Amino acid sequence: MELLRSHFRQTAEMLDSNTALTGRVYFKNFGDLEFEKYLSLKQGMFSKKHHSFG
């Protein structure tokens, strides 16, 4: 999981430094997602905003 997270972070940094757009590209780490939470989100259930992962 950490390797995938690292790839996303590196890609976001590369896009942000090479973009001519007026916006920004960044990666925010929200922590790990438990499999049960993933299944409930996939089925259309909502997650609480204040829930912290890990």
PDB file of N, CA and C in Angstrom:
ATOM      1  N   MET A   1       0.818  -1.182   0.000  1.00  0.00           N
ATOM      2  CA  MET A   1       0.000   0.000   0.000  1.00  0.00           C
ATOM      3  C   MET A   1       0.869   1.255   0.000  1.00  0.00           C
ATOM      4  N   GLU A   2       1.940   1.219   0.761  1.00  0.00           N
ATOM      5  CA  GLU A   2       2.826   2.379   0.836  1.00  0.00           C
ATOM      6  C   GLU A   2       3.478   2.670  -0.511  1.00  0.00           C
ATOM      7  N   LEU A   3       3.803   1.631  -1.273  1.00  0.00           N
ATOM      8  CA  LEU A   3       4.402   1.825  -2.600  1.00  0.00           C
ATOM      9  C   LEU A   3       3.421   2.531  -3.534  1.00  0.00           C
ATOM     10  N   LEU A   4       2.172   2.114  -3.539  1.00  0.00           N
ATOM     11  CA  LEU A   4       1.156   2.754  -4.375  1.00  0.00           C
ATOM     12  C   LEU A   4       0.962   4.213  -3.959  1.00  0.00           C
ATOM     13  N   ARG A   5       0.904   4.447  -2.656  1.00  0.00           N
ATOM     14  CA  ARG A   5       0.761   5.804  -2.129  1.00  0.00           C
ATOM     15  C   ARG A   5       1.933   6.674  -2.576  1.00  0.00           C
ATOM     16  N   SER A   6       3.117   6.118  -2.550  1.00  0.00           N
ATOM     17  CA  SER A   6       4.317   6.839  -2.973  1.00  0.00           C
ATOM     18  C   SER A   6       4.261   7.190  -4.454  1.00  0.00           C
ATOM     19  N   HIS A   7       3.767   6.271  -5.275  1.00  0.00           N
ATOM     20  CA  HIS A   7       3.633   6.538  -6.717  1.00  0.00           C
ATOM     21  C   HIS A   7       2.636   7.676  -6.981  1.00  0.00           C
ATOM     22  N   PHE A   8       1.525   7.663  -6.267  1.00  0.00           N
ATOM     23  CA  PHE A   8       0.547   8.747  -6.416  1.00  0.00           C
ATOM     24  C   PHE A   8       1.152  10.088  -6.001  1.00  0.00           C
ATOM     25  N   ARG A   9       1.884  10.093  -4.882  1.00  0.00           N
ATOM     26  CA  ARG A   9       2.507  11.322  -4.397  1.00  0.00           C
ATOM     27  C   ARG A   9       3.517  11.849  -5.409  1.00  0.00           C
ATOM     28  N   GLN A  10       4.371  10.976  -5.937  1.00  0.00           N
ATOM     29  CA  GLN A  10       5.381  11.382  -6.923  1.00  0.00           C
ATOM     30  C   GLN A  10       4.727  11.903  -8.203  1.00  0.00           C
ATOM     31  N   THR A  11       3.679  11.247  -8.653  1.00  0.00           N
ATOM     32  CA  THR A  11       2.982  11.680  -9.862  1.00  0.00           C
ATOM     33  C   THR A  11       2.347  13.058  -9.657  1.00  0.00           C
ATOM     34  N   ALA A  12       1.722  13.269  -8.513  1.00  0.00           N
ATOM     35  CA  ALA A  12       1.121  14.560  -8.222  1.00  0.00           C
ATOM     36  C   ALA A  12       2.176  15.653  -8.176  1.00  0.00           C
ATOM     37  N   GLU A  13       3.315  15.377  -7.554  1.00  0.00           N
ATOM     38  CA  GLU A  13       4.394  16.370  -7.485  1.00  0.00           C
ATOM     39  C   GLU A  13       4.947  16.680  -8.869  1.00  0.00           C
ATOM     40  N   MET A  14       5.102  15.657  -9.700  1.00  0.00           N
ATOM     41  CA  MET A  14       5.611  15.864 -11.053  1.00  0.00           C
ATOM     42  C   MET A  14       4.632  16.709 -11.867  1.00  0.00           C
ATOM     43  N   LEU A  15       3.350  16.378 -11.799  1.00  0.00           N
ATOM     44  CA  LEU A  15       2.342  17.146 -12.532  1.00  0.00           C
ATOM     45  C   LEU A  15       2.286  18.585 -12.034  1.00  0.00           C
ATOM     46  N   ASP A  16       2.387  18.770 -10.742  1.00  0.00           N
ATOM     47  CA  ASP A  16       2.306  20.107 -10.169  1.00  0.00           C
ATOM     48  C   ASP A  16       3.489  20.968 -10.617  1.00  0.00           C
ATOM     49  N   SER A  17       4.673  20.393 -10.676  1.00  0.00           N
ATOM     50  CA  SER A  17       5.855  21.171 -11.044  1.00  0.00           C
ATOM     51  C   SER A  17       5.955  21.403 -12.549  1.00  0.00           C
ATOM     52  N   ASN A  18       5.277  20.586 -13.351  1.00  0.00           N
ATOM     53  CA  ASN A  18       5.380  20.708 -14.809  1.00  0.00           C
ATOM     54  C   ASN A  18       4.143  21.291 -15.472  1.00  0.00           C
ATOM     55  N   THR A  19       3.168  21.669 -14.702  1.00  0.00           N
ATOM     56  CA  THR A  19       1.928  22.149 -15.302  1.00  0.00           C
ATOM     57  C   THR A  19       1.980  23.656 -15.549  1.00  0.00           C
ATOM     58  N   ALA A  20       1.396  24.071 -16.632  1.00  0.00           N
ATOM     59  CA  ALA A  20       1.308  25.489 -16.959  1.00  0.00           C
ATOM     60  C   ALA A  20      -0.059  26.032 -16.570  1.00  0.00           C
ATOM     61  N   LEU A  21      -0.858  25.212 -15.957  1.00  0.00           N
ATOM     62  CA  LEU A  21      -2.205  25.620 -15.545  1.00  0.00           C
ATOM     63  C   LEU A  21      -2.131  26.511 -14.308  1.00  0.00           C
ATOM     64  N   THR A  22      -3.173  27.245 -14.067  1.00  0.00           N
ATOM     65  CA  THR A  22      -3.195  28.122 -12.903  1.00  0.00           C
ATOM     66  C   THR A  22      -3.552  27.376 -11.621  1.00  0.00           C
ATOM     67  N   GLY A  23      -3.971  26.139 -11.738  1.00  0.00           N
ATOM     68  CA  GLY A  23      -4.343  25.336 -10.571  1.00  0.00           C
ATOM     69  C   GLY A  23      -3.152  24.624  -9.965  1.00  0.00           C
ATOM     70  N   ARG A  24      -3.429  23.801  -8.987  1.00  0.00           N
ATOM     71  CA  ARG A  24      -2.411  23.009  -8.313  1.00  0.00           C
ATOM     72  C   ARG A  24      -2.805  21.536  -8.351  1.00  0.00           C
ATOM     73  N   VAL A  25      -1.812  20.676  -8.362  1.00  0.00           N
ATOM     74  CA  VAL A  25      -2.029  19.234  -8.264  1.00  0.00           C
ATOM     75  C   VAL A  25      -1.323  18.792  -6.997  1.00  0.00           C
ATOM     76  N   TYR A  26      -2.046  18.132  -6.111  1.00  0.00           N
ATOM     77  CA  TYR A  26      -1.430  17.664  -4.881  1.00  0.00           C
ATOM     78  C   TYR A  26      -2.036  16.341  -4.465  1.00  0.00           C
ATOM     79  N   PHE A  27      -1.341  15.662  -3.576  1.00  0.00           N
ATOM     80  CA  PHE A  27      -1.776  14.374  -3.054  1.00  0.00           C
ATOM     81  C   PHE A  27      -1.987  14.515  -1.558  1.00  0.00           C
ATOM     82  N   LYS A  28      -3.151  14.137  -1.071  1.00  0.00           N
ATOM     83  CA  LYS A  28      -3.439  14.160   0.355  1.00  0.00           C
ATOM     84  C   LYS A  28      -3.628  12.730   0.830  1.00  0.00           C
ATOM     85  N   ASN A  29      -2.857  12.350   1.805  1.00  0.00           N
ATOM     86  CA  ASN A  29      -2.908  11.004   2.358  1.00  0.00           C
ATOM     87  C   ASN A  29      -4.019  10.932   3.407  1.00  0.00           C
ATOM     88  N   PHE A  30      -5.038  10.117   3.131  1.00  0.00           N
ATOM     89  CA  PHE A  30      -6.138   9.944   4.065  1.00  0.00           C
ATOM     90  C   PHE A  30      -5.989   8.679   4.905  1.00  0.00           C
ATOM     91  N   GLY A  31      -4.868   8.022   4.797  1.00  0.00           N
ATOM     92  CA  GLY A  31      -4.658   6.812   5.576  1.00  0.00           C
ATOM     93  C   GLY A  31      -5.169   5.577   4.850  1.00  0.00           C
ATOM     94  N   ASP A  32      -5.156   4.476   5.561  1.00  0.00           N
ATOM     95  CA  ASP A  32      -5.591   3.209   4.974  1.00  0.00           C
ATOM     96  C   ASP A  32      -7.107   3.065   5.048  1.00  0.00           C
ATOM     97  N   LEU A  33      -7.657   2.379   4.077  1.00  0.00           N
ATOM     98  CA  LEU A  33      -9.090   2.110   4.019  1.00  0.00           C
ATOM     99  C   LEU A  33      -9.302   0.629   4.305  1.00  0.00           C
ATOM    100  N   GLU A  34     -10.046   0.345   5.365  1.00  0.00           N
ATOM    101  CA  GLU A  34     -10.328  -1.042   5.708  1.00  0.00           C
ATOM    102  C   GLU A  34     -11.217  -1.666   4.645  1.00  0.00           C
ATOM    103  N   PHE A  35     -11.055  -2.959   4.417  1.00  0.00           N
ATOM    104  CA  PHE A  35     -11.787  -3.645   3.362  1.00  0.00           C
ATOM    105  C   PHE A  35     -13.293  -3.549   3.573  1.00  0.00           C
ATOM    106  N   GLU A  36     -13.752  -3.665   4.815  1.00  0.00           N
ATOM    107  CA  GLU A  36     -15.185  -3.573   5.100  1.00  0.00           C
ATOM    108  C   GLU A  36     -15.720  -2.192   4.743  1.00  0.00           C
ATOM    109  N   LYS A  37     -14.943  -1.138   5.021  1.00  0.00           N
ATOM    110  CA  LYS A  37     -15.349   0.219   4.682  1.00  0.00           C
ATOM    111  C   LYS A  37     -15.400   0.386   3.166  1.00  0.00           C
ATOM    112  N   TYR A  38     -14.426  -0.196   2.466  1.00  0.00           N
ATOM    113  CA  TYR A  38     -14.416  -0.157   1.003  1.00  0.00           C
ATOM    114  C   TYR A  38     -15.683  -0.795   0.441  1.00  0.00           C
ATOM    115  N   LEU A  39     -16.056  -1.965   0.964  1.00  0.00           N
ATOM    116  CA  LEU A  39     -17.255  -2.656   0.483  1.00  0.00           C
ATOM    117  C   LEU A  39     -18.507  -1.820   0.710  1.00  0.00           C
ATOM    118  N   SER A  40     -18.616  -1.190   1.877  1.00  0.00           N
ATOM    119  CA  SER A  40     -19.800  -0.382   2.147  1.00  0.00           C
ATOM    120  C   SER A  40     -19.842   0.845   1.239  1.00  0.00           C
ATOM    121  N   LEU A  41     -18.695   1.458   0.960  1.00  0.00           N
ATOM    122  CA  LEU A  41     -18.660   2.601   0.042  1.00  0.00           C
ATOM    123  C   LEU A  41     -18.986   2.165  -1.378  1.00  0.00           C
ATOM    124  N   LYS A  42     -18.496   0.990  -1.757  1.00  0.00           N
ATOM    125  CA  LYS A  42     -18.767   0.460  -3.096  1.00  0.00           C
ATOM    126  C   LYS A  42     -20.265   0.208  -3.291  1.00  0.00           C
ATOM    127  N   GLN A  43     -20.940  -0.186  -2.230  1.00  0.00           N
ATOM    128  CA  GLN A  43     -22.375  -0.466  -2.300  1.00  0.00           C
ATOM    129  C   GLN A  43     -23.211   0.806  -2.204  1.00  0.00           C
ATOM    130  N   GLY A  44     -22.557   1.964  -2.140  1.00  0.00           N
ATOM    131  CA  GLY A  44     -23.280   3.223  -2.149  1.00  0.00           C
ATOM    132  C   GLY A  44     -23.538   3.831  -0.797  1.00  0.00           C
ATOM    133  N   MET A  45     -23.008   3.233   0.260  1.00  0.00           N
ATOM    134  CA  MET A  45     -23.181   3.815   1.582  1.00  0.00           C
ATOM    135  C   MET A  45     -22.181   4.964   1.748  1.00  0.00           C
ATOM    136  N   PHE A  46     -22.507   5.903   2.611  1.00  0.00           N
ATOM    137  CA  PHE A  46     -21.657   7.061   2.813  1.00  0.00           C
ATOM    138  C   PHE A  46     -20.753   6.861   4.022  1.00  0.00           C
ATOM    139  N   SER A  47     -19.613   7.512   3.972  1.00  0.00           N
ATOM    140  CA  SER A  47     -18.674   7.477   5.082  1.00  0.00           C
ATOM    141  C   SER A  47     -18.811   8.766   5.875  1.00  0.00           C
ATOM    142  N   LYS A  48     -18.622   8.686   7.177  1.00  0.00           N
ATOM    143  CA  LYS A  48     -18.678   9.881   8.013  1.00  0.00           C
ATOM    144  C   LYS A  48     -17.427  10.717   7.758  1.00  0.00           C
ATOM    145  N   LYS A  49     -17.588  12.019   7.675  1.00  0.00           N
ATOM    146  CA  LYS A  49     -16.450  12.905   7.419  1.00  0.00           C
ATOM    147  C   LYS A  49     -15.422  12.875   8.535  1.00  0.00           C
ATOM    148  N   HIS A  50     -15.843  12.743   9.758  1.00  0.00           N
ATOM    149  CA  HIS A  50     -14.935  12.811  10.879  1.00  0.00           C
ATOM    150  C   HIS A  50     -14.255  11.478  11.191  1.00  0.00           C
ATOM    151  N   HIS A  51     -14.564  10.442  10.431  1.00  0.00           N
ATOM    152  CA  HIS A  51     -13.961   9.121  10.659  1.00  0.00           C
ATOM    153  C   HIS A  51     -12.492   9.158  10.256  1.00  0.00           C
ATOM    154  N   SER A  52     -11.615   8.733  11.138  1.00  0.00           N
ATOM    155  CA  SER A  52     -10.201   8.679  10.778  1.00  0.00           C
ATOM    156  C   SER A  52      -9.802   7.226  10.565  1.00  0.00           C
ATOM    157  N   PHE A  53      -9.018   6.988   9.541  1.00  0.00           N
ATOM    158  CA  PHE A  53      -8.549   5.645   9.220  1.00  0.00           C
ATOM    159  C   PHE A  53      -7.236   5.414   9.919  1.00  0.00           C
ATOM    160  N   GLY A  54      -7.122   4.262  10.596  1.00  0.00           N
ATOM    161  CA  GLY A  54      -5.867   3.888  11.240  1.00  0.00           C
ATOM    162  C   GLY A  54      -5.771   4.483  12.569  1.00  0.00           C
TER     163      GLY A  54
END
